[in-house]
Amino acid sequence: MSGEILKALTQLFAIVTKQDGGVSENERDYVIRFFERELDRDSIAEYLGIYDEQSGYNRQTKEHIESPAAVKQKTTSVQDSLLTLNI
């Protein structure tokens, strides 16, 4: 699979999984399993980093540690909607 397609899928995974209030461990595990089927070990870390950054996983984890109530369900942002259309 080409790098362009993988990057687009990674972005779409991130947008979709963060829509219901944040990324669950099950959703992130699904993305990791997908990467394991499609990528070599070195590339998994690269694409998982892109996914974590765009989905807000790293920020979400930090917010959960600091304050479990800090993560609230959000509506789809205009920016995410435009990015989805652009992809």
C-alpha atoms as a PDB file:
ATOM      1  CA  MET A   1       0.000   0.000   0.000  1.00  0.00           C
ATOM      2  CA  SER A   2       1.381   3.403  -0.912  1.00  0.00           C
ATOM      3  CA  GLY A   3       2.504   5.940   1.661  1.00  0.00           C
ATOM      4  CA  GLU A   4      -0.114   8.430   0.465  1.00  0.00           C
ATOM      5  CA  ILE A   5      -2.950   5.968   1.044  1.00  0.00           C
ATOM      6  CA  LEU A   6      -1.607   4.934   4.449  1.00  0.00           C
ATOM      7  CA  LYS A   7      -1.291   8.548   5.537  1.00  0.00           C
ATOM      8  CA  ALA A   8      -4.857   9.281   4.379  1.00  0.00           C
ATOM      9  CA  LEU A   9      -6.195   6.199   6.202  1.00  0.00           C
ATOM     10  CA  THR A  10      -4.290   7.185   9.325  1.00  0.00           C
ATOM     11  CA  GLN A  11      -5.837  10.649   9.231  1.00  0.00           C
ATOM     12  CA  LEU A  12      -9.312   9.209   8.698  1.00  0.00           C
ATOM     13  CA  PHE A  13      -8.840   6.731  11.561  1.00  0.00           C
ATOM     14  CA  ALA A  14      -7.853   9.638  13.814  1.00  0.00           C
ATOM     15  CA  ILE A  15     -10.806  11.813  12.824  1.00  0.00           C
ATOM     16  CA  VAL A  16     -13.361   9.035  13.187  1.00  0.00           C
ATOM     17  CA  THR A  17     -12.114   7.608  16.484  1.00  0.00           C
ATOM     18  CA  LYS A  18     -11.968  10.930  18.304  1.00  0.00           C
ATOM     19  CA  GLN A  19     -15.559  11.862  17.427  1.00  0.00           C
ATOM     20  CA  ASP A  20     -17.295  10.060  20.289  1.00  0.00           C
ATOM     21  CA  GLY A  21     -15.468  11.729  23.132  1.00  0.00           C
ATOM     22  CA  GLY A  22     -11.969  10.427  22.632  1.00  0.00           C
ATOM     23  CA  VAL A  23     -10.002   7.431  21.513  1.00  0.00           C
ATOM     24  CA  SER A  24     -10.741   4.215  23.385  1.00  0.00           C
ATOM     25  CA  GLU A  25      -8.068   1.572  23.894  1.00  0.00           C
ATOM     26  CA  ASN A  26     -10.081  -0.809  21.675  1.00  0.00           C
ATOM     27  CA  GLU A  27     -10.096   1.718  18.836  1.00  0.00           C
ATOM     28  CA  ARG A  28      -6.372   2.349  19.162  1.00  0.00           C
ATOM     29  CA  ASP A  29      -5.685  -1.409  19.310  1.00  0.00           C
ATOM     30  CA  TYR A  30      -7.668  -1.848  16.083  1.00  0.00           C
ATOM     31  CA  VAL A  31      -5.512   0.770  14.376  1.00  0.00           C
ATOM     32  CA  ILE A  32      -2.345  -0.907  15.678  1.00  0.00           C
ATOM     33  CA  ARG A  33      -3.495  -4.312  14.359  1.00  0.00           C
ATOM     34  CA  PHE A  34      -4.216  -2.730  10.977  1.00  0.00           C
ATOM     35  CA  PHE A  35      -0.722  -1.228  10.901  1.00  0.00           C
ATOM     36  CA  GLU A  36       0.819  -4.581  11.903  1.00  0.00           C
ATOM     37  CA  ARG A  37      -0.826  -6.227   8.885  1.00  0.00           C
ATOM     38  CA  GLU A  38       0.229  -3.497   6.453  1.00  0.00           C
ATOM     39  CA  LEU A  39       3.583  -2.151   7.663  1.00  0.00           C
ATOM     40  CA  ASP A  40       7.036  -3.191   8.753  1.00  0.00           C
ATOM     41  CA  ARG A  41       7.952  -2.709  12.428  1.00  0.00           C
ATOM     42  CA  ASP A  42       9.797   0.588  11.899  1.00  0.00           C
ATOM     43  CA  SER A  43       6.916   2.146   9.976  1.00  0.00           C
ATOM     44  CA  ILE A  44       4.339   1.173  12.611  1.00  0.00           C
ATOM     45  CA  ALA A  45       5.866   3.602  15.111  1.00  0.00           C
ATOM     46  CA  GLU A  46       5.870   6.398  12.527  1.00  0.00           C
ATOM     47  CA  TYR A  47       2.214   5.996  11.517  1.00  0.00           C
ATOM     48  CA  LEU A  48       1.076   5.343  15.093  1.00  0.00           C
ATOM     49  CA  GLY A  49       2.725   8.629  16.056  1.00  0.00           C
ATOM     50  CA  ILE A  50       0.765  10.404  13.327  1.00  0.00           C
ATOM     51  CA  TYR A  51      -2.438   8.718  14.509  1.00  0.00           C
ATOM     52  CA  ASP A  52      -1.831   9.595  18.173  1.00  0.00           C
ATOM     53  CA  GLU A  53      -1.065  13.221  17.358  1.00  0.00           C
ATOM     54  CA  GLN A  54      -4.048  13.753  15.069  1.00  0.00           C
ATOM     55  CA  SER A  55      -6.510  11.866  17.273  1.00  0.00           C
ATOM     56  CA  GLY A  56      -5.379  13.685  20.407  1.00  0.00           C
ATOM     57  CA  TYR A  57      -4.551  10.389  22.110  1.00  0.00           C
ATOM     58  CA  ASN A  58      -1.466  11.781  23.879  1.00  0.00           C
ATOM     59  CA  ARG A  59      -3.329  14.861  25.121  1.00  0.00           C
ATOM     60  CA  GLN A  60      -6.336  12.745  26.091  1.00  0.00           C
ATOM     61  CA  THR A  61      -4.206  10.424  28.215  1.00  0.00           C
ATOM     62  CA  LYS A  62      -2.590  13.373  29.985  1.00  0.00           C
ATOM     63  CA  GLU A  63      -5.997  14.959  30.641  1.00  0.00           C
ATOM     64  CA  HIS A  64      -7.338  11.682  32.071  1.00  0.00           C
ATOM     65  CA  ILE A  65      -4.412  11.562  34.497  1.00  0.00           C
ATOM     66  CA  GLU A  66      -4.824  15.181  35.562  1.00  0.00           C
ATOM     67  CA  SER A  67      -8.623  15.232  35.633  1.00  0.00           C
ATOM     68  CA  PRO A  68     -10.901  12.408  34.470  1.00  0.00           C
ATOM     69  CA  ALA A  69     -13.719  14.908  33.883  1.00  0.00           C
ATOM     70  CA  ALA A  70     -11.515  16.980  31.564  1.00  0.00           C
ATOM     71  CA  VAL A  71     -12.343  14.905  28.480  1.00  0.00           C
ATOM     72  CA  LYS A  72     -15.802  15.812  27.245  1.00  0.00           C
ATOM     73  CA  GLN A  73     -17.711  14.621  24.231  1.00  0.00           C
ATOM     74  CA  LYS A  74     -17.225  17.050  21.386  1.00  0.00           C
ATOM     75  CA  THR A  75     -19.032  17.570  18.134  1.00  0.00           C
ATOM     76  CA  THR A  76     -17.230  17.209  14.840  1.00  0.00           C
ATOM     77  CA  SER A  77     -15.171  20.310  14.231  1.00  0.00           C
ATOM     78  CA  VAL A  78     -15.364  22.208  10.978  1.00  0.00           C
ATOM     79  CA  GLN A  79     -11.655  21.621  10.557  1.00  0.00           C
ATOM     80  CA  ASP A  80     -12.118  17.836  10.845  1.00  0.00           C
ATOM     81  CA  SER A  81     -15.026  17.947   8.409  1.00  0.00           C
ATOM     82  CA  LEU A  82     -12.962  19.860   5.868  1.00  0.00           C
ATOM     83  CA  LEU A  83      -9.980  17.578   6.357  1.00  0.00           C
ATOM     84  CA  THR A  84     -12.207  14.521   5.796  1.00  0.00           C
ATOM     85  CA  LEU A  85     -13.543  15.994   2.566  1.00  0.00           C
ATOM     86  CA  ASN A  86     -10.051  16.933   1.453  1.00  0.00           C
ATOM     87  CA  ILE A  87      -8.715  13.417   2.088  1.00  0.00           C
END
